[in-house]
């Protein structure tokens, strides 16, 4: 199966274990130089009406993805096990 990142980016991630909506795919983690996808990144939920910081991100291993449909990505993982702290972006240009 072949898919562009922009097609994956618009899909909602749903956990099969408890039916929880985790959010939308915003990024992928790649293995360089092979180019294999290692994981997808889903940002944590906003706190305090979107004014405060976000909760920790979900880093979901590619092996835990069970199905990619037209609108959703179904994953089989405990959401608590795939939490990673958010990294703060430094001001300026990023390459």
PDB file of N, CA and C in Angstrom:
ATOM      1  N   UNK A   1       0.844  -1.173   0.000  1.00  0.00           N
ATOM      2  CA  UNK A   1       0.000   0.000   0.000  1.00  0.00           C
ATOM      3  C   UNK A   1       0.888   1.234   0.000  1.00  0.00           C
ATOM      4  N   UNK A   2       0.530   2.199  -0.787  1.00  0.00           N
ATOM      5  CA  UNK A   2       1.273   3.448  -0.842  1.00  0.00           C
ATOM      6  C   UNK A   2       0.348   4.589  -0.469  1.00  0.00           C
ATOM      7  N   UNK A   3       0.880   5.562   0.272  1.00  0.00           N
ATOM      8  CA  UNK A   3       0.074   6.680   0.741  1.00  0.00           C
ATOM      9  C   UNK A   3       0.982   7.882   0.920  1.00  0.00           C
ATOM     10  N   UNK A   4       0.491   9.037   0.589  1.00  0.00           N
ATOM     11  CA  UNK A   4       1.233  10.267   0.823  1.00  0.00           C
ATOM     12  C   UNK A   4       1.005  10.721   2.258  1.00  0.00           C
ATOM     13  N   UNK A   5       1.991  11.456   2.785  1.00  0.00           N
ATOM     14  CA  UNK A   5       1.868  11.945   4.155  1.00  0.00           C
ATOM     15  C   UNK A   5       0.657  12.852   4.312  1.00  0.00           C
ATOM     16  N   UNK A   6       0.355  13.666   3.308  1.00  0.00           N
ATOM     17  CA  UNK A   6      -0.795  14.567   3.412  1.00  0.00           C
ATOM     18  C   UNK A   6      -2.111  13.799   3.523  1.00  0.00           C
ATOM     19  N   UNK A   7      -2.170  12.596   2.966  1.00  0.00           N
ATOM     20  CA  UNK A   7      -3.372  11.772   3.099  1.00  0.00           C
ATOM     21  C   UNK A   7      -3.479  11.196   4.510  1.00  0.00           C
ATOM     22  N   UNK A   8      -2.367  10.837   5.099  1.00  0.00           N
ATOM     23  CA  UNK A   8      -2.346  10.281   6.450  1.00  0.00           C
ATOM     24  C   UNK A   8      -2.605  11.362   7.490  1.00  0.00           C
ATOM     25  N   UNK A   9      -2.160  12.578   7.206  1.00  0.00           N
ATOM     26  CA  UNK A   9      -2.240  13.685   8.153  1.00  0.00           C
ATOM     27  C   UNK A   9      -3.673  14.073   8.493  1.00  0.00           C
ATOM     28  N   UNK A  10      -4.611  13.820   7.651  1.00  0.00           N
ATOM     29  CA  UNK A  10      -6.000  14.235   7.870  1.00  0.00           C
ATOM     30  C   UNK A  10      -6.846  13.175   8.573  1.00  0.00           C
ATOM     31  N   UNK A  11      -6.239  12.097   9.000  1.00  0.00           N
ATOM     32  CA  UNK A  11      -7.010  10.988   9.572  1.00  0.00           C
ATOM     33  C   UNK A  11      -7.031  11.024  11.100  1.00  0.00           C
ATOM     34  N   UNK A  12      -8.187  10.663  11.644  1.00  0.00           N
ATOM     35  CA  UNK A  12      -8.354  10.609  13.097  1.00  0.00           C
ATOM     36  C   UNK A  12      -7.874   9.253  13.607  1.00  0.00           C
ATOM     37  N   UNK A  13      -7.186   9.251  14.751  1.00  0.00           N
ATOM     38  CA  UNK A  13      -6.655   8.026  15.345  1.00  0.00           C
ATOM     39  C   UNK A  13      -7.577   7.583  16.469  1.00  0.00           C
ATOM     40  N   UNK A  14      -8.012   6.315  16.402  1.00  0.00           N
ATOM     41  CA  UNK A  14      -8.930   5.759  17.399  1.00  0.00           C
ATOM     42  C   UNK A  14      -8.304   4.499  17.980  1.00  0.00           C
ATOM     43  N   UNK A  15      -8.338   4.401  19.305  1.00  0.00           N
ATOM     44  CA  UNK A  15      -7.794   3.251  20.017  1.00  0.00           C
ATOM     45  C   UNK A  15      -8.841   2.130  20.044  1.00  0.00           C
ATOM     46  N   UNK A  16      -8.449   0.932  19.614  1.00  0.00           N
ATOM     47  CA  UNK A  16      -9.371  -0.204  19.589  1.00  0.00           C
ATOM     48  C   UNK A  16      -9.671  -0.752  20.983  1.00  0.00           C
ATOM     49  N   UNK A  17      -8.751  -0.579  21.919  1.00  0.00           N
ATOM     50  CA  UNK A  17      -8.931  -1.162  23.256  1.00  0.00           C
ATOM     51  C   UNK A  17     -10.074  -0.531  24.035  1.00  0.00           C
ATOM     52  N   UNK A  18     -10.213   0.802  23.935  1.00  0.00           N
ATOM     53  CA  UNK A  18     -11.270   1.462  24.711  1.00  0.00           C
ATOM     54  C   UNK A  18     -12.142   2.396  23.872  1.00  0.00           C
ATOM     55  N   UNK A  19     -11.887   2.472  22.563  1.00  0.00           N
ATOM     56  CA  UNK A  19     -12.698   3.303  21.682  1.00  0.00           C
ATOM     57  C   UNK A  19     -12.412   4.793  21.794  1.00  0.00           C
ATOM     58  N   UNK A  20     -11.369   5.143  22.495  1.00  0.00           N
ATOM     59  CA  UNK A  20     -11.035   6.548  22.720  1.00  0.00           C
ATOM     60  C   UNK A  20     -10.492   7.195  21.450  1.00  0.00           C
ATOM     61  N   UNK A  21     -10.914   8.436  21.205  1.00  0.00           N
ATOM     62  CA  UNK A  21     -10.362   9.233  20.111  1.00  0.00           C
ATOM     63  C   UNK A  21      -9.091   9.891  20.615  1.00  0.00           C
ATOM     64  N   UNK A  22      -7.981   9.598  19.972  1.00  0.00           N
ATOM     65  CA  UNK A  22      -6.707  10.146  20.423  1.00  0.00           C
ATOM     66  C   UNK A  22      -6.375  11.474  19.760  1.00  0.00           C
ATOM     67  N   UNK A  23      -6.915  11.732  18.600  1.00  0.00           N
ATOM     68  CA  UNK A  23      -6.654  12.972  17.887  1.00  0.00           C
ATOM     69  C   UNK A  23      -6.332  12.682  16.423  1.00  0.00           C
ATOM     70  N   UNK A  24      -5.666  13.633  15.773  1.00  0.00           N
ATOM     71  CA  UNK A  24      -5.332  13.513  14.364  1.00  0.00           C
ATOM     72  C   UNK A  24      -3.823  13.394  14.169  1.00  0.00           C
ATOM     73  N   UNK A  25      -3.416  12.627  13.174  1.00  0.00           N
ATOM     74  CA  UNK A  25      -2.001  12.457  12.860  1.00  0.00           C
ATOM     75  C   UNK A  25      -1.441  13.807  12.413  1.00  0.00           C
ATOM     76  N   UNK A  26      -0.329  14.228  13.036  1.00  0.00           N
ATOM     77  CA  UNK A  26       0.302  15.483  12.643  1.00  0.00           C
ATOM     78  C   UNK A  26       1.712  15.284  12.108  1.00  0.00           C
ATOM     79  N   UNK A  27       2.326  14.151  12.421  1.00  0.00           N
ATOM     80  CA  UNK A  27       3.708  13.940  12.015  1.00  0.00           C
ATOM     81  C   UNK A  27       4.006  12.444  11.999  1.00  0.00           C
ATOM     82  N   UNK A  28       5.099  12.086  11.371  1.00  0.00           N
ATOM     83  CA  UNK A  28       5.569  10.699  11.385  1.00  0.00           C
ATOM     84  C   UNK A  28       7.035  10.697  11.794  1.00  0.00           C
ATOM     85  N   UNK A  29       7.474   9.589  12.350  1.00  0.00           N
ATOM     86  CA  UNK A  29       8.876   9.407  12.704  1.00  0.00           C
ATOM     87  C   UNK A  29       9.450   8.411  11.707  1.00  0.00           C
ATOM     88  N   UNK A  30      10.543   8.820  11.042  1.00  0.00           N
ATOM     89  CA  UNK A  30      11.156   7.999   9.998  1.00  0.00           C
ATOM     90  C   UNK A  30      12.498   7.458  10.434  1.00  0.00           C
ATOM     91  N   UNK A  31      12.873   6.328   9.851  1.00  0.00           N
ATOM     92  CA  UNK A  31      14.191   5.754  10.040  1.00  0.00           C
ATOM     93  C   UNK A  31      15.049   6.194   8.846  1.00  0.00           C
ATOM     94  N   UNK A  32      16.109   6.923   9.147  1.00  0.00           N
ATOM     95  CA  UNK A  32      16.966   7.457   8.091  1.00  0.00           C
ATOM     96  C   UNK A  32      18.229   6.618   8.022  1.00  0.00           C
ATOM     97  N   UNK A  33      18.797   6.269   6.915  1.00  0.00           N
ATOM     98  CA  UNK A  33      18.475   6.629   5.535  1.00  0.00           C
ATOM     99  C   UNK A  33      17.508   5.661   4.856  1.00  0.00           C
ATOM    100  N   UNK A  34      17.041   4.639   5.540  1.00  0.00           N
ATOM    101  CA  UNK A  34      16.163   3.644   4.905  1.00  0.00           C
ATOM    102  C   UNK A  34      14.825   4.233   4.478  1.00  0.00           C
ATOM    103  N   UNK A  35      14.307   5.187   5.238  1.00  0.00           N
ATOM    104  CA  UNK A  35      13.035   5.805   4.903  1.00  0.00           C
ATOM    105  C   UNK A  35      11.830   5.044   5.415  1.00  0.00           C
ATOM    106  N   UNK A  36      12.026   4.108   6.337  1.00  0.00           N
ATOM    107  CA  UNK A  36      10.909   3.359   6.912  1.00  0.00           C
ATOM    108  C   UNK A  36      10.184   4.211   7.950  1.00  0.00           C
ATOM    109  N   UNK A  37       8.856   4.090   7.983  1.00  0.00           N
ATOM    110  CA  UNK A  37       8.070   4.793   8.988  1.00  0.00           C
ATOM    111  C   UNK A  37       8.137   3.987  10.279  1.00  0.00           C
ATOM    112  N   UNK A  38       8.563   4.633  11.362  1.00  0.00           N
ATOM    113  CA  UNK A  38       8.678   3.965  12.657  1.00  0.00           C
ATOM    114  C   UNK A  38       7.421   4.182  13.500  1.00  0.00           C
ATOM    115  N   UNK A  39       6.886   5.412  13.478  1.00  0.00           N
ATOM    116  CA  UNK A  39       5.745   5.737  14.328  1.00  0.00           C
ATOM    117  C   UNK A  39       4.995   6.931  13.757  1.00  0.00           C
ATOM    118  N   UNK A  40       3.760   7.095  14.225  1.00  0.00           N
ATOM    119  CA  UNK A  40       2.994   8.300  13.916  1.00  0.00           C
ATOM    120  C   UNK A  40       2.892   9.128  15.191  1.00  0.00           C
ATOM    121  N   UNK A  41       2.763  10.434  15.026  1.00  0.00           N
ATOM    122  CA  UNK A  41       2.681  11.354  16.158  1.00  0.00           C
ATOM    123  C   UNK A  41       1.303  11.994  16.161  1.00  0.00           C
ATOM    124  N   UNK A  42       0.657  11.950  17.332  1.00  0.00           N
ATOM    125  CA  UNK A  42      -0.642  12.575  17.537  1.00  0.00           C
ATOM    126  C   UNK A  42      -0.484  13.530  18.722  1.00  0.00           C
ATOM    127  N   UNK A  43      -0.756  14.827  18.533  1.00  0.00           N
ATOM    128  CA  UNK A  43      -0.579  15.766  19.644  1.00  0.00           C
ATOM    129  C   UNK A  43      -1.586  15.511  20.758  1.00  0.00           C
ATOM    130  N   UNK A  44      -1.173  15.827  21.992  1.00  0.00           N
ATOM    131  CA  UNK A  44      -2.061  15.683  23.135  1.00  0.00           C
ATOM    132  C   UNK A  44      -3.184  16.707  23.085  1.00  0.00           C
ATOM    133  N   UNK A  45      -4.193  16.502  23.895  1.00  0.00           N
ATOM    134  CA  UNK A  45      -5.343  17.404  23.929  1.00  0.00           C
ATOM    135  C   UNK A  45      -4.971  18.731  24.577  1.00  0.00           C
ATOM    136  N   UNK A  46      -5.644  19.794  24.158  1.00  0.00           N
ATOM    137  CA  UNK A  46      -5.427  21.115  24.744  1.00  0.00           C
ATOM    138  C   UNK A  46      -5.954  21.135  26.171  1.00  0.00           C
ATOM    139  N   UNK A  47      -5.291  21.907  27.000  1.00  0.00           N
ATOM    140  CA  UNK A  47      -5.760  22.101  28.370  1.00  0.00           C
ATOM    141  C   UNK A  47      -6.354  23.496  28.493  1.00  0.00           C
ATOM    142  N   UNK A  48      -7.278  23.673  29.372  1.00  0.00           N
ATOM    143  CA  UNK A  48      -7.841  24.980  29.721  1.00  0.00           C
ATOM    144  C   UNK A  48      -8.332  25.764  28.501  1.00  0.00           C
ATOM    145  N   UNK A  49      -9.257  25.189  27.740  1.00  0.00           N
ATOM    146  CA  UNK A  49      -9.903  25.856  26.616  1.00  0.00           C
ATOM    147  C   UNK A  49      -8.921  26.277  25.528  1.00  0.00           C
ATOM    148  N   UNK A  50      -7.809  25.582  25.392  1.00  0.00           N
ATOM    149  CA  UNK A  50      -6.830  25.889  24.360  1.00  0.00           C
ATOM    150  C   UNK A  50      -5.874  27.007  24.712  1.00  0.00           C
ATOM    151  N   UNK A  51      -5.998  27.556  25.914  1.00  0.00           N
ATOM    152  CA  UNK A  51      -5.129  28.665  26.303  1.00  0.00           C
ATOM    153  C   UNK A  51      -3.813  28.195  26.907  1.00  0.00           C
ATOM    154  N   UNK A  52      -3.828  27.095  27.581  1.00  0.00           N
ATOM    155  CA  UNK A  52      -2.620  26.584  28.225  1.00  0.00           C
ATOM    156  C   UNK A  52      -1.841  25.685  27.296  1.00  0.00           C
ATOM    157  N   UNK A  53      -0.909  24.987  27.867  1.00  0.00           N
ATOM    158  CA  UNK A  53      -0.100  24.063  27.071  1.00  0.00           C
ATOM    159  C   UNK A  53      -0.900  22.804  26.758  1.00  0.00           C
ATOM    160  N   UNK A  54      -0.372  22.007  25.868  1.00  0.00           N
ATOM    161  CA  UNK A  54      -1.014  20.744  25.521  1.00  0.00           C
ATOM    162  C   UNK A  54      -0.513  19.638  26.441  1.00  0.00           C
ATOM    163  N   UNK A  55      -1.297  18.569  26.507  1.00  0.00           N
ATOM    164  CA  UNK A  55      -0.873  17.376  27.230  1.00  0.00           C
ATOM    165  C   UNK A  55       0.229  16.699  26.415  1.00  0.00           C
ATOM    166  N   UNK A  56       0.810  15.664  26.951  1.00  0.00           N
ATOM    167  CA  UNK A  56       1.868  14.936  26.252  1.00  0.00           C
ATOM    168  C   UNK A  56       1.357  14.363  24.932  1.00  0.00           C
ATOM    169  N   UNK A  57       2.262  14.265  23.958  1.00  0.00           N
ATOM    170  CA  UNK A  57       1.922  13.695  22.654  1.00  0.00           C
ATOM    171  C   UNK A  57       1.842  12.175  22.742  1.00  0.00           C
ATOM    172  N   UNK A  58       1.157  11.588  21.764  1.00  0.00           N
ATOM    173  CA  UNK A  58       1.143  10.138  21.594  1.00  0.00           C
ATOM    174  C   UNK A  58       2.132   9.803  20.487  1.00  0.00           C
ATOM    175  N   UNK A  59       3.062   8.905  20.753  1.00  0.00           N
ATOM    176  CA  UNK A  59       3.987   8.383  19.751  1.00  0.00           C
ATOM    177  C   UNK A  59       3.602   6.919  19.558  1.00  0.00           C
ATOM    178  N   UNK A  60       2.886   6.633  18.487  1.00  0.00           N
ATOM    179  CA  UNK A  60       2.300   5.316  18.274  1.00  0.00           C
ATOM    180  C   UNK A  60       3.151   4.538  17.279  1.00  0.00           C
ATOM    181  N   UNK A  61       3.744   3.414  17.715  1.00  0.00           N
ATOM    182  CA  UNK A  61       4.577   2.616  16.811  1.00  0.00           C
ATOM    183  C   UNK A  61       3.778   2.121  15.601  1.00  0.00           C
ATOM    184  N   UNK A  62       4.429   2.087  14.470  1.00  0.00           N
ATOM    185  CA  UNK A  62       3.784   1.641  13.227  1.00  0.00           C
ATOM    186  C   UNK A  62       3.248   0.219  13.373  1.00  0.00           C
ATOM    187  N   UNK A  63       3.917  -0.619  14.149  1.00  0.00           N
ATOM    188  CA  UNK A  63       3.482  -2.011  14.326  1.00  0.00           C
ATOM    189  C   UNK A  63       2.154  -2.113  15.073  1.00  0.00           C
ATOM    190  N   UNK A  64       1.729  -1.062  15.755  1.00  0.00           N
ATOM    191  CA  UNK A  64       0.464  -1.082  16.497  1.00  0.00           C
ATOM    192  C   UNK A  64      -0.721  -0.603  15.666  1.00  0.00           C
ATOM    193  N   UNK A  65      -0.474  -0.166  14.447  1.00  0.00           N
ATOM    194  CA  UNK A  65      -1.560   0.266  13.570  1.00  0.00           C
ATOM    195  C   UNK A  65      -2.215  -0.979  12.979  1.00  0.00           C
ATOM    196  N   UNK A  66      -3.527  -1.103  13.168  1.00  0.00           N
ATOM    197  CA  UNK A  66      -4.245  -2.288  12.687  1.00  0.00           C
ATOM    198  C   UNK A  66      -4.921  -2.050  11.344  1.00  0.00           C
ATOM    199  N   UNK A  67      -5.447  -0.840  11.120  1.00  0.00           N
ATOM    200  CA  UNK A  67      -6.137  -0.565   9.866  1.00  0.00           C
ATOM    201  C   UNK A  67      -6.109   0.932   9.597  1.00  0.00           C
ATOM    202  N   UNK A  68      -5.892   1.267   8.323  1.00  0.00           N
ATOM    203  CA  UNK A  68      -5.976   2.654   7.888  1.00  0.00           C
ATOM    204  C   UNK A  68      -7.141   2.731   6.919  1.00  0.00           C
ATOM    205  N   UNK A  69      -8.176   3.452   7.327  1.00  0.00           N
ATOM    206  CA  UNK A  69      -9.362   3.593   6.495  1.00  0.00           C
ATOM    207  C   UNK A  69      -9.394   4.948   5.811  1.00  0.00           C
ATOM    208  N   UNK A  70     -10.506   5.263   5.157  1.00  0.00           N
ATOM    209  CA  UNK A  70     -10.593   6.536   4.441  1.00  0.00           C
ATOM    210  C   UNK A  70     -10.564   7.754   5.367  1.00  0.00           C
ATOM    211  N   UNK A  71     -11.051   7.602   6.608  1.00  0.00           N
ATOM    212  CA  UNK A  71     -11.102   8.732   7.539  1.00  0.00           C
ATOM    213  C   UNK A  71     -10.377   8.487   8.854  1.00  0.00           C
ATOM    214  N   UNK A  72     -10.097   7.231   9.179  1.00  0.00           N
ATOM    215  CA  UNK A  72      -9.546   6.917  10.496  1.00  0.00           C
ATOM    216  C   UNK A  72      -8.363   5.959  10.419  1.00  0.00           C
ATOM    217  N   UNK A  73      -7.590   5.985  11.506  1.00  0.00           N
ATOM    218  CA  UNK A  73      -6.506   5.030  11.715  1.00  0.00           C
ATOM    219  C   UNK A  73      -6.837   4.301  13.010  1.00  0.00           C
ATOM    220  N   UNK A  74      -6.973   2.991  12.945  1.00  0.00           N
ATOM    221  CA  UNK A  74      -7.282   2.195  14.130  1.00  0.00           C
ATOM    222  C   UNK A  74      -5.986   1.629  14.696  1.00  0.00           C
ATOM    223  N   UNK A  75      -5.767   1.858  15.995  1.00  0.00           N
ATOM    224  CA  UNK A  75      -4.544   1.393  16.641  1.00  0.00           C
ATOM    225  C   UNK A  75      -4.892   0.494  17.818  1.00  0.00           C
ATOM    226  N   UNK A  76      -4.042  -0.481  18.082  1.00  0.00           N
ATOM    227  CA  UNK A  76      -4.237  -1.399  19.199  1.00  0.00           C
ATOM    228  C   UNK A  76      -3.089  -1.193  20.180  1.00  0.00           C
ATOM    229  N   UNK A  77      -3.295  -0.287  21.118  1.00  0.00           N
ATOM    230  CA  UNK A  77      -2.264   0.061  22.096  1.00  0.00           C
ATOM    231  C   UNK A  77      -2.934   0.712  23.300  1.00  0.00           C
ATOM    232  N   UNK A  78      -2.312   0.604  24.459  1.00  0.00           N
ATOM    233  CA  UNK A  78      -2.784   1.344  25.620  1.00  0.00           C
ATOM    234  C   UNK A  78      -2.308   2.783  25.456  1.00  0.00           C
ATOM    235  N   UNK A  79      -3.201   3.756  25.418  1.00  0.00           N
ATOM    236  CA  UNK A  79      -2.789   5.142  25.204  1.00  0.00           C
ATOM    237  C   UNK A  79      -1.772   5.635  26.231  1.00  0.00           C
ATOM    238  N   UNK A  80      -1.837   5.144  27.453  1.00  0.00           N
ATOM    239  CA  UNK A  80      -0.905   5.573  28.496  1.00  0.00           C
ATOM    240  C   UNK A  80       0.523   5.109  28.202  1.00  0.00           C
ATOM    241  N   UNK A  81       0.658   4.011  27.452  1.00  0.00           N
ATOM    242  CA  UNK A  81       1.981   3.452  27.159  1.00  0.00           C
ATOM    243  C   UNK A  81       2.720   4.187  26.048  1.00  0.00           C
ATOM    244  N   UNK A  82       2.022   5.019  25.288  1.00  0.00           N
ATOM    245  CA  UNK A  82       2.676   5.674  24.148  1.00  0.00           C
ATOM    246  C   UNK A  82       2.770   7.188  24.322  1.00  0.00           C
ATOM    247  N   UNK A  83       2.679   7.665  25.560  1.00  0.00           N
ATOM    248  CA  UNK A  83       2.802   9.101  25.831  1.00  0.00           C
ATOM    249  C   UNK A  83       4.269   9.512  25.846  1.00  0.00           C
ATOM    250  N   UNK A  84       4.570  10.642  25.231  1.00  0.00           N
ATOM    251  CA  UNK A  84       5.922  11.220  25.267  1.00  0.00           C
ATOM    252  C   UNK A  84       5.785  12.713  25.561  1.00  0.00           C
ATOM    253  N   UNK A  85       6.731  13.277  26.313  1.00  0.00           N
ATOM    254  CA  UNK A  85       6.641  14.710  26.615  1.00  0.00           C
ATOM    255  C   UNK A  85       6.783  15.549  25.348  1.00  0.00           C
ATOM    256  N   UNK A  86       6.088  16.667  25.326  1.00  0.00           N
ATOM    257  CA  UNK A  86       6.188  17.597  24.198  1.00  0.00           C
ATOM    258  C   UNK A  86       7.530  18.289  24.227  1.00  0.00           C
ATOM    259  N   UNK A  87       8.116  18.463  23.059  1.00  0.00           N
ATOM    260  CA  UNK A  87       9.359  19.213  22.966  1.00  0.00           C
ATOM    261  C   UNK A  87       9.022  20.645  22.597  1.00  0.00           C
ATOM    262  N   UNK A  88       9.697  21.578  23.241  1.00  0.00           N
ATOM    263  CA  UNK A  88       9.442  22.981  22.963  1.00  0.00           C
ATOM    264  C   UNK A  88      10.277  23.408  21.770  1.00  0.00           C
ATOM    265  N   UNK A  89       9.635  24.031  20.805  1.00  0.00           N
ATOM    266  CA  UNK A  89      10.348  24.515  19.625  1.00  0.00           C
ATOM    267  C   UNK A  89      11.101  25.787  19.982  1.00  0.00           C
ATOM    268  N   UNK A  90      12.313  25.866  19.484  1.00  0.00           N
ATOM    269  CA  UNK A  90      13.112  27.063  19.704  1.00  0.00           C
ATOM    270  C   UNK A  90      12.752  28.098  18.655  1.00  0.00           C
ATOM    271  N   UNK A  91      12.761  29.379  19.018  1.00  0.00           N
ATOM    272  CA  UNK A  91      12.424  30.395  18.016  1.00  0.00           C
ATOM    273  C   UNK A  91      13.480  30.428  16.915  1.00  0.00           C
ATOM    274  N   UNK A  92      13.054  30.786  15.735  1.00  0.00           N
ATOM    275  CA  UNK A  92      13.977  30.877  14.600  1.00  0.00           C
ATOM    276  C   UNK A  92      13.663  29.844  13.551  1.00  0.00           C
ATOM    277  N   UNK A  93      14.566  29.710  12.627  1.00  0.00           N
ATOM    278  CA  UNK A  93      14.387  28.788  11.504  1.00  0.00           C
ATOM    279  C   UNK A  93      14.726  27.374  11.926  1.00  0.00           C
ATOM    280  N   UNK A  94      13.973  26.402  11.400  1.00  0.00           N
ATOM    281  CA  UNK A  94      14.206  24.986  11.670  1.00  0.00           C
ATOM    282  C   UNK A  94      14.420  24.267  10.352  1.00  0.00           C
ATOM    283  N   UNK A  95      15.472  23.481  10.267  1.00  0.00           N
ATOM    284  CA  UNK A  95      15.760  22.715   9.052  1.00  0.00           C
ATOM    285  C   UNK A  95      15.865  21.260   9.364  1.00  0.00           C
TER     286      UNK A  95
END
